[in-house]
Every structure is written in C-alpha cells, then in structure tokens.
C-alpha cells in the first residue's frame, strides 16, 4: 500500500501551517496589547483615587473656608457692636489673624483648584489616548480579518 501526497495537498498543508502561525502571532499580539491596557487601567485607577482624594480635600477646605468666613463675619459684627476699646482692639487683632488664615486658605484653595484642573486634563488626555488605541486596534483587526 503506497501513500502518495499530491502537490495540491502539500500546498494546502503549507497554507494551513501559515494560517496557524499567523493566528498564534495575532494571539500573542492581542495578549501583549491587553496587558498594556491593563497597566494603563491600573494607572488610571490610581489616578482616579488620587483625584477623589483631592476632591475630598478640596471639599474639606471649602467647608473650612466657609466656617472661617462665617466666623470672620461674626467677629466683624461683634467688633462693630462693641463699645469698649479693649474689646474692639482684641477683636480687630483676632479678625486680622482670621484674614491672614483666610488668605493662606485662599492660596491653598487656588493651588488645589489648579492641581484639580491639571489632573482633570491629564485624565482627559489618558482617556483620549486609550480611545485612540482602541480605535487603532479595531482598525488593525478589521483590516486583517
């Protein structure tokens, strides 16, 4: 019993071998891209946590600012209603301390807002980059499918 392989069968086997090899290469490429996306997702999650922490800090600063502003206003009213020089002098001193504290708080608030804005811009850029990568990946697979 003689086994013979025709040229057509050999060519078909070669094409199947090429197809299997290309599928393996595509699987490896997809796996490496998924790992890269997971790393970006981890970075984005860390970024979101930091963003939430800064949001909470900003909220706390805003509450402190409002409290100090009310306290400052109440001291101002008290100083306007005070009749004795000692009370007026002491109130003015405390009011100045509050003004200084509010000024420092305003500076911190402005800095936090700038950081918040920068982080938001970075988050938008990361999101755009991720969308671009997904779009390119989809185009790549659409072109080769």
C-alpha atoms as a PDB file:
ATOM      1  CA  UNK A   1       0.000   0.000   0.000  1.00  0.00           C
ATOM      2  CA  UNK A   2       1.643   3.120  -1.224  1.00  0.00           C
ATOM      3  CA  UNK A   3       0.937   6.535   0.255  1.00  0.00           C
ATOM      4  CA  UNK A   4       1.386   9.447  -2.074  1.00  0.00           C
ATOM      5  CA  UNK A   5       0.942  13.116  -1.376  1.00  0.00           C
ATOM      6  CA  UNK A   6      -0.019  15.340  -4.231  1.00  0.00           C
ATOM      7  CA  UNK A   7       1.388  18.809  -4.818  1.00  0.00           C
ATOM      8  CA  UNK A   8      -2.009  20.333  -4.068  1.00  0.00           C
ATOM      9  CA  UNK A   9      -2.112  18.600  -0.679  1.00  0.00           C
ATOM     10  CA  UNK A  10       1.383  19.859   0.120  1.00  0.00           C
ATOM     11  CA  UNK A  11       0.444  23.425  -0.846  1.00  0.00           C
ATOM     12  CA  UNK A  12      -2.732  23.218   1.241  1.00  0.00           C
ATOM     13  CA  UNK A  13      -0.756  21.901   4.210  1.00  0.00           C
ATOM     14  CA  UNK A  14       1.727  24.759   3.800  1.00  0.00           C
ATOM     15  CA  UNK A  15      -1.111  27.323   3.719  1.00  0.00           C
ATOM     16  CA  UNK A  16      -2.696  25.779   6.813  1.00  0.00           C
ATOM     17  CA  UNK A  17       0.660  25.969   8.564  1.00  0.00           C
ATOM     18  CA  UNK A  18       0.972  29.655   7.634  1.00  0.00           C
ATOM     19  CA  UNK A  19      -2.581  30.339   8.848  1.00  0.00           C
ATOM     20  CA  UNK A  20      -1.937  28.598  12.191  1.00  0.00           C
ATOM     21  CA  UNK A  21       1.309  30.536  12.616  1.00  0.00           C
ATOM     22  CA  UNK A  22      -0.417  33.857  11.874  1.00  0.00           C
ATOM     23  CA  UNK A  23      -3.199  33.033  14.365  1.00  0.00           C
ATOM     24  CA  UNK A  24      -0.590  32.317  17.036  1.00  0.00           C
ATOM     25  CA  UNK A  25       1.225  35.584  16.246  1.00  0.00           C
ATOM     26  CA  UNK A  26      -2.068  37.519  16.393  1.00  0.00           C
ATOM     27  CA  UNK A  27      -2.915  35.871  19.720  1.00  0.00           C
ATOM     28  CA  UNK A  28       0.465  36.895  21.133  1.00  0.00           C
ATOM     29  CA  UNK A  29      -0.026  40.467  19.869  1.00  0.00           C
ATOM     30  CA  UNK A  30      -3.511  40.662  21.351  1.00  0.00           C
ATOM     31  CA  UNK A  31      -2.259  39.301  24.673  1.00  0.00           C
ATOM     32  CA  UNK A  32       0.528  41.903  24.844  1.00  0.00           C
ATOM     33  CA  UNK A  33      -1.928  44.696  23.958  1.00  0.00           C
ATOM     34  CA  UNK A  34      -4.336  43.525  26.656  1.00  0.00           C
ATOM     35  CA  UNK A  35      -1.523  43.534  29.221  1.00  0.00           C
ATOM     36  CA  UNK A  36      -0.613  47.076  28.155  1.00  0.00           C
ATOM     37  CA  UNK A  37      -4.233  48.162  28.527  1.00  0.00           C
ATOM     38  CA  UNK A  38      -4.411  46.554  31.977  1.00  0.00           C
ATOM     39  CA  UNK A  39      -1.355  48.535  33.055  1.00  0.00           C
ATOM     40  CA  UNK A  40      -2.977  51.723  31.786  1.00  0.00           C
ATOM     41  CA  UNK A  41      -6.190  50.788  33.594  1.00  0.00           C
ATOM     42  CA  UNK A  42      -4.249  50.307  36.836  1.00  0.00           C
ATOM     43  CA  UNK A  43      -2.593  53.695  36.325  1.00  0.00           C
ATOM     44  CA  UNK A  44      -5.970  55.251  35.546  1.00  0.00           C
ATOM     45  CA  UNK A  45      -7.481  53.698  38.700  1.00  0.00           C
ATOM     46  CA  UNK A  46      -4.640  55.116  40.790  1.00  0.00           C
ATOM     47  CA  UNK A  47      -5.165  58.449  39.103  1.00  0.00           C
ATOM     48  CA  UNK A  48      -8.890  58.320  39.900  1.00  0.00           C
ATOM     49  CA  UNK A  49      -8.166  57.524  43.552  1.00  0.00           C
ATOM     50  CA  UNK A  50      -5.781  60.444  43.785  1.00  0.00           C
ATOM     51  CA  UNK A  51      -8.390  62.617  42.068  1.00  0.00           C
ATOM     52  CA  UNK A  52     -11.045  61.544  44.603  1.00  0.00           C
ATOM     53  CA  UNK A  53      -8.678  62.243  47.481  1.00  0.00           C
ATOM     54  CA  UNK A  54      -8.048  65.724  46.158  1.00  0.00           C
ATOM     55  CA  UNK A  55     -11.770  66.227  45.672  1.00  0.00           C
ATOM     56  CA  UNK A  56     -12.309  65.303  49.329  1.00  0.00           C
ATOM     57  CA  UNK A  57      -9.504  67.613  50.404  1.00  0.00           C
ATOM     58  CA  UNK A  58     -10.994  70.369  48.297  1.00  0.00           C
ATOM     59  CA  UNK A  59     -14.405  69.757  49.878  1.00  0.00           C
ATOM     60  CA  UNK A  60     -12.866  69.888  53.366  1.00  0.00           C
ATOM     61  CA  UNK A  61     -11.003  73.072  52.516  1.00  0.00           C
ATOM     62  CA  UNK A  62     -14.198  74.574  51.191  1.00  0.00           C
ATOM     63  CA  UNK A  63     -16.030  73.686  54.424  1.00  0.00           C
ATOM     64  CA  UNK A  64     -13.199  75.143  56.492  1.00  0.00           C
ATOM     65  CA  UNK A  65     -13.230  78.222  54.330  1.00  0.00           C
ATOM     66  CA  UNK A  66     -16.982  78.699  54.808  1.00  0.00           C
ATOM     67  CA  UNK A  67     -16.667  78.144  58.559  1.00  0.00           C
ATOM     68  CA  UNK A  68     -13.822  80.624  58.825  1.00  0.00           C
ATOM     69  CA  UNK A  69     -15.679  83.095  56.630  1.00  0.00           C
ATOM     70  CA  UNK A  70     -18.751  82.888  58.909  1.00  0.00           C
ATOM     71  CA  UNK A  71     -16.532  83.130  61.960  1.00  0.00           C
ATOM     72  CA  UNK A  72     -14.771  86.116  60.449  1.00  0.00           C
ATOM     73  CA  UNK A  73     -18.096  87.794  59.665  1.00  0.00           C
ATOM     74  CA  UNK A  74     -19.395  87.164  63.182  1.00  0.00           C
ATOM     75  CA  UNK A  75     -16.234  88.670  64.663  1.00  0.00           C
ATOM     76  CA  UNK A  76     -16.599  91.687  62.385  1.00  0.00           C
ATOM     77  CA  UNK A  77     -20.196  92.177  63.545  1.00  0.00           C
ATOM     78  CA  UNK A  78     -19.122  91.786  67.135  1.00  0.00           C
ATOM     79  CA  UNK A  79     -16.370  94.380  66.698  1.00  0.00           C
ATOM     80  CA  UNK A  80     -18.825  96.835  65.155  1.00  0.00           C
ATOM     81  CA  UNK A  81     -21.220  96.434  68.083  1.00  0.00           C
ATOM     82  CA  UNK A  82     -18.553  96.567  70.810  1.00  0.00           C
ATOM     83  CA  UNK A  83     -18.407  99.771  72.770  1.00  0.00           C
ATOM     84  CA  UNK A  84     -15.207  99.376  74.715  1.00  0.00           C
ATOM     85  CA  UNK A  85     -11.785  99.996  73.227  1.00  0.00           C
ATOM     86  CA  UNK A  86     -10.292  96.793  74.703  1.00  0.00           C
ATOM     87  CA  UNK A  87     -12.932  94.568  73.091  1.00  0.00           C
ATOM     88  CA  UNK A  88     -12.605  96.415  69.804  1.00  0.00           C
ATOM     89  CA  UNK A  89      -8.805  96.137  69.839  1.00  0.00           C
ATOM     90  CA  UNK A  90      -8.841  92.425  70.705  1.00  0.00           C
ATOM     91  CA  UNK A  91     -11.498  91.719  68.087  1.00  0.00           C
ATOM     92  CA  UNK A  92      -9.514  93.527  65.405  1.00  0.00           C
ATOM     93  CA  UNK A  93      -6.426  91.510  66.270  1.00  0.00           C
ATOM     94  CA  UNK A  94      -8.378  88.254  66.007  1.00  0.00           C
ATOM     95  CA  UNK A  95     -10.011  89.411  62.789  1.00  0.00           C
ATOM     96  CA  UNK A  96      -6.591  90.114  61.284  1.00  0.00           C
ATOM     97  CA  UNK A  97      -5.443  86.641  62.258  1.00  0.00           C
ATOM     98  CA  UNK A  98      -8.517  85.226  60.568  1.00  0.00           C
ATOM     99  CA  UNK A  99      -7.889  87.345  57.484  1.00  0.00           C
ATOM    100  CA  UNK A 100      -4.333  86.001  57.331  1.00  0.00           C
ATOM    101  CA  UNK A 101      -5.622  82.486  57.830  1.00  0.00           C
ATOM    102  CA  UNK A 102      -8.250  83.019  55.131  1.00  0.00           C
ATOM    103  CA  UNK A 103      -5.587  84.380  52.802  1.00  0.00           C
ATOM    104  CA  UNK A 104      -3.495  81.270  53.321  1.00  0.00           C
ATOM    105  CA  UNK A 105      -6.592  79.147  52.869  1.00  0.00           C
ATOM    106  CA  UNK A 106      -7.443  81.021  49.652  1.00  0.00           C
ATOM    107  CA  UNK A 107      -3.938  80.345  48.358  1.00  0.00           C
ATOM    108  CA  UNK A 108      -4.276  76.658  49.220  1.00  0.00           C
ATOM    109  CA  UNK A 109      -7.687  76.525  47.590  1.00  0.00           C
ATOM    110  CA  UNK A 110      -6.389  78.144  44.413  1.00  0.00           C
ATOM    111  CA  UNK A 111      -3.471  75.733  44.314  1.00  0.00           C
ATOM    112  CA  UNK A 112      -5.789  72.760  44.842  1.00  0.00           C
ATOM    113  CA  UNK A 113      -8.056  74.015  42.056  1.00  0.00           C
ATOM    114  CA  UNK A 114      -5.071  74.272  39.713  1.00  0.00           C
ATOM    115  CA  UNK A 115      -3.976  70.759  40.647  1.00  0.00           C
ATOM    116  CA  UNK A 116      -7.523  69.533  40.156  1.00  0.00           C
ATOM    117  CA  UNK A 117      -7.674  71.167  36.733  1.00  0.00           C
ATOM    118  CA  UNK A 118      -4.298  69.708  35.725  1.00  0.00           C
ATOM    119  CA  UNK A 119      -5.301  66.242  36.899  1.00  0.00           C
ATOM    120  CA  UNK A 120      -8.589  66.525  35.031  1.00  0.00           C
ATOM    121  CA  UNK A 121      -6.700  67.482  31.851  1.00  0.00           C
ATOM    122  CA  UNK A 122      -4.345  64.526  32.337  1.00  0.00           C
ATOM    123  CA  UNK A 123      -7.321  62.230  32.864  1.00  0.00           C
ATOM    124  CA  UNK A 124      -8.936  63.527  29.662  1.00  0.00           C
ATOM    125  CA  UNK A 125      -5.676  63.013  27.759  1.00  0.00           C
ATOM    126  CA  UNK A 126      -5.340  59.454  29.083  1.00  0.00           C
ATOM    127  CA  UNK A 127      -8.927  58.765  28.111  1.00  0.00           C
ATOM    128  CA  UNK A 128      -8.371  60.157  24.602  1.00  0.00           C
ATOM    129  CA  UNK A 129      -5.181  58.111  24.224  1.00  0.00           C
ATOM    130  CA  UNK A 130      -6.984  54.978  25.358  1.00  0.00           C
ATOM    131  CA  UNK A 131      -9.823  55.604  22.897  1.00  0.00           C
ATOM    132  CA  UNK A 132      -7.287  56.183  20.117  1.00  0.00           C
ATOM    133  CA  UNK A 133      -5.545  52.917  20.949  1.00  0.00           C
ATOM    134  CA  UNK A 134      -8.840  51.029  20.926  1.00  0.00           C
ATOM    135  CA  UNK A 135      -9.740  52.649  17.605  1.00  0.00           C
ATOM    136  CA  UNK A 136      -6.376  51.731  16.076  1.00  0.00           C
ATOM    137  CA  UNK A 137      -6.656  48.202  17.420  1.00  0.00           C
ATOM    138  CA  UNK A 138     -10.144  47.838  15.931  1.00  0.00           C
ATOM    139  CA  UNK A 139      -8.902  49.198  12.590  1.00  0.00           C
ATOM    140  CA  UNK A 140      -5.973  46.792  12.702  1.00  0.00           C
ATOM    141  CA  UNK A 141      -8.209  43.787  13.241  1.00  0.00           C
ATOM    142  CA  UNK A 142     -10.773  44.999  10.701  1.00  0.00           C
ATOM    143  CA  UNK A 143      -8.019  45.363   8.088  1.00  0.00           C
ATOM    144  CA  UNK A 144      -6.666  41.870   8.734  1.00  0.00           C
ATOM    145  CA  UNK A 145      -9.894  39.993   9.204  1.00  0.00           C
END
